[in-house]
Amino acid sequence: MQNQSRIFKLLLLVCTFSLAFSTQSSAQLPVPSEPEKTFQNWTMIGESRTLIDVYYRVLQCGNKTQVHFFVFNENTMDQTAKFSIDLMDGNGAKVMTKTYNIAAKKLTMYKALCGGTDEVLNSLKVDLPEGVDPAKVTAKITFQP
């Protein structure tokens, strides 16, 4: 009976320390992968002659309003996706231009996430300047050869 009591106390101690460490580490987690609020869901901007599809969405990640891009190389060959995207406000005024040159593997999707550490995926998101209505942002793409 004494051994069972010691084992129970030891298990209780281990569980207490595990809970304490997991609570402490969760306080330092990065921004989650899922958005807190979506202003505009995925909208196709365009498709190149070489079968590169590009989409965008506008959302809230943590305390930032961002535009995320999704690039899909639906070609059966690796290729470089070269394009520029103009973001416009609700009045059609250009807010910013973002240029991309991505080494896209065949039949591969590249999707920006709120959190994450992948350099290519992080390049597919931009912070929207303050004062721009995220529900009215539009995008225009220009593919380069």
Foldseek 3Di string as FASTA:
>chain_A
DVVVVVVVVVVVVVVVVVVVVVVVVVVVDDFDQDFPFWLFPWDWQDADPQGKTKTWTWTHTPNFIKIFMKIFRQHQAWDWWWKKKFKAALVRHTQDIDTGTHRGGHGDMATATSDDDDPVNVSRMDTGDPPGDRNRMDMHMDTDD
